């Protein structure tokens, strides 16, 4: 009887643990999203610009850029790896991170192909400046 009660207590205790809690040493989901997004942008930069320069060693340049990204976000490579391992073991917590990365990518592509048109105020200012220059030339 005692064993059954102990077993039930253990089951109840483990069932009540907050399964969505992220350990303190792991980067938050927002931090992970930002770091991964910047790492992806660093890779894109390498692919578009650094690959064309044959004098540069690609692996060294990639490591330098990654370290800059980690410094920018106030973390280290080891902390990022530890956090990535944690999130890979918890797909339910990784999914919101990857979904938000897809949204960021779509927004970036949309802005790339559909740049925002200048506002009416900036157009009025340009027209006023051009009119003033034209009057001075007369």
C-alpha atoms as a PDB file:
ATOM      1  CA  UNK A   1       0.000   0.000   0.000  1.00  0.00           C
ATOM      2  CA  UNK A   2       2.808   2.337   0.897  1.00  0.00           C
ATOM      3  CA  UNK A   3       4.504   1.658  -2.437  1.00  0.00           C
ATOM      4  CA  UNK A   4       1.320   2.430  -4.355  1.00  0.00           C
ATOM      5  CA  UNK A   5       0.841   5.737  -2.528  1.00  0.00           C
ATOM      6  CA  UNK A   6       4.482   6.676  -3.140  1.00  0.00           C
ATOM      7  CA  UNK A   7       4.177   5.782  -6.796  1.00  0.00           C
ATOM      8  CA  UNK A   8       0.998   7.876  -7.170  1.00  0.00           C
ATOM      9  CA  UNK A   9       2.645  10.810  -5.372  1.00  0.00           C
ATOM     10  CA  UNK A  10       5.595  10.679  -7.789  1.00  0.00           C
ATOM     11  CA  UNK A  11       3.264  10.565 -10.782  1.00  0.00           C
ATOM     12  CA  UNK A  12       1.245  13.526  -9.478  1.00  0.00           C
ATOM     13  CA  UNK A  13       4.391  15.499  -8.683  1.00  0.00           C
ATOM     14  CA  UNK A  14       5.938  14.987 -12.116  1.00  0.00           C
ATOM     15  CA  UNK A  15       2.622  15.718 -13.807  1.00  0.00           C
ATOM     16  CA  UNK A  16       2.364  19.116 -12.120  1.00  0.00           C
ATOM     17  CA  UNK A  17       5.777  20.337 -13.206  1.00  0.00           C
ATOM     18  CA  UNK A  18       5.671  23.304 -15.602  1.00  0.00           C
ATOM     19  CA  UNK A  19       6.797  21.753 -18.863  1.00  0.00           C
ATOM     20  CA  UNK A  20       7.081  25.059 -20.725  1.00  0.00           C
ATOM     21  CA  UNK A  21       9.570  26.568 -18.296  1.00  0.00           C
ATOM     22  CA  UNK A  22      12.877  27.428 -19.917  1.00  0.00           C
ATOM     23  CA  UNK A  23      15.987  27.016 -17.710  1.00  0.00           C
ATOM     24  CA  UNK A  24      17.837  30.193 -16.746  1.00  0.00           C
ATOM     25  CA  UNK A  25      21.003  29.237 -18.638  1.00  0.00           C
ATOM     26  CA  UNK A  26      19.050  28.821 -21.894  1.00  0.00           C
ATOM     27  CA  UNK A  27      18.344  31.790 -24.153  1.00  0.00           C
ATOM     28  CA  UNK A  28      14.707  32.847 -24.277  1.00  0.00           C
ATOM     29  CA  UNK A  29      12.649  32.197 -27.390  1.00  0.00           C
ATOM     30  CA  UNK A  30      12.911  35.859 -28.438  1.00  0.00           C
ATOM     31  CA  UNK A  31      16.674  35.840 -27.953  1.00  0.00           C
ATOM     32  CA  UNK A  32      16.999  32.618 -29.938  1.00  0.00           C
ATOM     33  CA  UNK A  33      14.889  34.029 -32.754  1.00  0.00           C
ATOM     34  CA  UNK A  34      17.018  37.186 -32.920  1.00  0.00           C
ATOM     35  CA  UNK A  35      20.328  35.323 -32.807  1.00  0.00           C
ATOM     36  CA  UNK A  36      19.281  32.764 -35.416  1.00  0.00           C
ATOM     37  CA  UNK A  37      17.909  35.531 -37.660  1.00  0.00           C
ATOM     38  CA  UNK A  38      21.205  37.426 -37.511  1.00  0.00           C
ATOM     39  CA  UNK A  39      23.186  34.219 -38.104  1.00  0.00           C
ATOM     40  CA  UNK A  40      21.079  33.595 -41.197  1.00  0.00           C
ATOM     41  CA  UNK A  41      21.729  37.144 -42.393  1.00  0.00           C
ATOM     42  CA  UNK A  42      25.459  36.654 -41.792  1.00  0.00           C
ATOM     43  CA  UNK A  43      25.350  33.504 -43.932  1.00  0.00           C
ATOM     44  CA  UNK A  44      23.544  35.406 -46.669  1.00  0.00           C
ATOM     45  CA  UNK A  45      26.178  38.143 -46.549  1.00  0.00           C
ATOM     46  CA  UNK A  46      28.919  35.542 -46.870  1.00  0.00           C
ATOM     47  CA  UNK A  47      27.184  33.859 -49.795  1.00  0.00           C
ATOM     48  CA  UNK A  48      26.585  37.102 -51.674  1.00  0.00           C
ATOM     49  CA  UNK A  49      29.751  39.080 -51.027  1.00  0.00           C
ATOM     50  CA  UNK A  50      32.567  37.157 -49.394  1.00  0.00           C
ATOM     51  CA  UNK A  51      32.411  34.140 -51.708  1.00  0.00           C
ATOM     52  CA  UNK A  52      33.327  36.458 -54.576  1.00  0.00           C
ATOM     53  CA  UNK A  53      36.587  37.443 -52.876  1.00  0.00           C
ATOM     54  CA  UNK A  54      38.880  34.480 -53.381  1.00  0.00           C
ATOM     55  CA  UNK A  55      41.565  35.968 -51.140  1.00  0.00           C
ATOM     56  CA  UNK A  56      39.456  35.471 -48.033  1.00  0.00           C
ATOM     57  CA  UNK A  57      39.263  32.178 -46.212  1.00  0.00           C
ATOM     58  CA  UNK A  58      35.559  31.422 -46.062  1.00  0.00           C
ATOM     59  CA  UNK A  59      35.545  29.433 -42.818  1.00  0.00           C
ATOM     60  CA  UNK A  60      37.510  32.092 -40.932  1.00  0.00           C
ATOM     61  CA  UNK A  61      35.240  34.855 -42.189  1.00  0.00           C
ATOM     62  CA  UNK A  62      32.143  32.899 -41.192  1.00  0.00           C
ATOM     63  CA  UNK A  63      33.534  32.356 -37.664  1.00  0.00           C
ATOM     64  CA  UNK A  64      34.342  36.079 -37.346  1.00  0.00           C
ATOM     65  CA  UNK A  65      30.839  37.078 -38.388  1.00  0.00           C
ATOM     66  CA  UNK A  66      29.229  34.532 -36.071  1.00  0.00           C
ATOM     67  CA  UNK A  67      31.293  35.821 -33.149  1.00  0.00           C
ATOM     68  CA  UNK A  68      30.175  39.374 -33.962  1.00  0.00           C
ATOM     69  CA  UNK A  69      26.550  38.227 -33.916  1.00  0.00           C
ATOM     70  CA  UNK A  70      27.047  36.541 -30.534  1.00  0.00           C
ATOM     71  CA  UNK A  71      28.691  39.690 -29.133  1.00  0.00           C
ATOM     72  CA  UNK A  72      25.890  41.830 -30.520  1.00  0.00           C
ATOM     73  CA  UNK A  73      23.341  39.752 -28.631  1.00  0.00           C
ATOM     74  CA  UNK A  74      25.412  39.447 -25.453  1.00  0.00           C
ATOM     75  CA  UNK A  75      25.857  35.695 -25.611  1.00  0.00           C
ATOM     76  CA  UNK A  76      28.540  33.176 -26.508  1.00  0.00           C
ATOM     77  CA  UNK A  77      28.849  30.315 -28.944  1.00  0.00           C
ATOM     78  CA  UNK A  78      28.656  27.826 -26.082  1.00  0.00           C
ATOM     79  CA  UNK A  79      25.495  29.382 -24.635  1.00  0.00           C
ATOM     80  CA  UNK A  80      23.923  29.379 -28.085  1.00  0.00           C
ATOM     81  CA  UNK A  81      24.820  25.714 -28.652  1.00  0.00           C
ATOM     82  CA  UNK A  82      23.434  24.768 -25.241  1.00  0.00           C
ATOM     83  CA  UNK A  83      20.222  26.676 -25.963  1.00  0.00           C
ATOM     84  CA  UNK A  84      19.894  25.133 -29.415  1.00  0.00           C
ATOM     85  CA  UNK A  85      20.324  21.648 -27.941  1.00  0.00           C
ATOM     86  CA  UNK A  86      17.615  22.404 -25.391  1.00  0.00           C
ATOM     87  CA  UNK A  87      15.176  23.700 -28.025  1.00  0.00           C
ATOM     88  CA  UNK A  88      15.885  20.752 -30.322  1.00  0.00           C
ATOM     89  CA  UNK A  89      14.904  18.437 -27.471  1.00  0.00           C
ATOM     90  CA  UNK A  90      11.685  20.462 -27.018  1.00  0.00           C
ATOM     91  CA  UNK A  91      10.047  20.826 -30.463  1.00  0.00           C
ATOM     92  CA  UNK A  92       6.985  22.418 -28.858  1.00  0.00           C
ATOM     93  CA  UNK A  93       9.160  25.356 -27.742  1.00  0.00           C
ATOM     94  CA  UNK A  94      11.228  25.469 -30.945  1.00  0.00           C
ATOM     95  CA  UNK A  95       8.206  25.705 -33.250  1.00  0.00           C
ATOM     96  CA  UNK A  96       7.276  29.316 -32.293  1.00  0.00           C
ATOM     97  CA  UNK A  97      10.897  30.338 -32.894  1.00  0.00           C
ATOM     98  CA  UNK A  98      11.035  28.812 -36.364  1.00  0.00           C
ATOM     99  CA  UNK A  99       7.580  30.126 -37.238  1.00  0.00           C
ATOM    100  CA  UNK A 100       8.615  33.666 -36.344  1.00  0.00           C
ATOM    101  CA  UNK A 101      11.751  33.252 -38.475  1.00  0.00           C
ATOM    102  CA  UNK A 102       9.549  32.382 -41.445  1.00  0.00           C
ATOM    103  CA  UNK A 103       7.481  35.504 -40.813  1.00  0.00           C
ATOM    104  CA  UNK A 104      10.653  37.625 -40.636  1.00  0.00           C
ATOM    105  CA  UNK A 105      11.831  36.115 -43.904  1.00  0.00           C
ATOM    106  CA  UNK A 106       8.545  36.855 -45.652  1.00  0.00           C
ATOM    107  CA  UNK A 107       8.613  40.459 -44.414  1.00  0.00           C
ATOM    108  CA  UNK A 108      12.206  40.899 -45.546  1.00  0.00           C
ATOM    109  CA  UNK A 109      11.434  39.521 -49.006  1.00  0.00           C
ATOM    110  CA  UNK A 110       8.351  41.686 -49.286  1.00  0.00           C
ATOM    111  CA  UNK A 111      10.327  44.809 -48.335  1.00  0.00           C
ATOM    112  CA  UNK A 112      13.064  43.852 -50.780  1.00  0.00           C
ATOM    113  CA  UNK A 113      10.699  43.625 -53.750  1.00  0.00           C
ATOM    114  CA  UNK A 114       8.139  46.237 -52.648  1.00  0.00           C
ATOM    115  CA  UNK A 115      10.057  49.117 -51.094  1.00  0.00           C
ATOM    116  CA  UNK A 116       7.846  51.583 -49.313  1.00  0.00           C
ATOM    117  CA  UNK A 117       6.877  54.576 -51.390  1.00  0.00           C
ATOM    118  CA  UNK A 118       7.917  57.898 -49.981  1.00  0.00           C
ATOM    119  CA  UNK A 119       5.206  59.684 -48.057  1.00  0.00           C
ATOM    120  CA  UNK A 120       3.358  62.638 -49.506  1.00  0.00           C
ATOM    121  CA  UNK A 121       5.180  65.007 -47.146  1.00  0.00           C
ATOM    122  CA  UNK A 122       8.590  64.000 -48.443  1.00  0.00           C
ATOM    123  CA  UNK A 123       7.357  64.447 -52.029  1.00  0.00           C
ATOM    124  CA  UNK A 124       6.058  67.927 -51.196  1.00  0.00           C
ATOM    125  CA  UNK A 125       9.395  68.842 -49.613  1.00  0.00           C
ATOM    126  CA  UNK A 126      11.307  67.644 -52.682  1.00  0.00           C
ATOM    127  CA  UNK A 127       8.989  69.630 -54.960  1.00  0.00           C
ATOM    128  CA  UNK A 128       9.426  72.742 -52.800  1.00  0.00           C
ATOM    129  CA  UNK A 129      13.228  72.383 -52.857  1.00  0.00           C
ATOM    130  CA  UNK A 130      13.257  71.894 -56.628  1.00  0.00           C
ATOM    131  CA  UNK A 131      10.966  74.928 -57.133  1.00  0.00           C
ATOM    132  CA  UNK A 132      13.243  77.063 -54.948  1.00  0.00           C
ATOM    133  CA  UNK A 133      16.317  75.984 -56.940  1.00  0.00           C
ATOM    134  CA  UNK A 134      14.510  76.720 -60.203  1.00  0.00           C
ATOM    135  CA  UNK A 135      13.540  80.249 -59.019  1.00  0.00           C
ATOM    136  CA  UNK A 136      17.127  80.976 -57.914  1.00  0.00           C
ATOM    137  CA  UNK A 137      18.431  79.954 -61.335  1.00  0.00           C
ATOM    138  CA  UNK A 138      16.185  82.542 -63.070  1.00  0.00           C
END
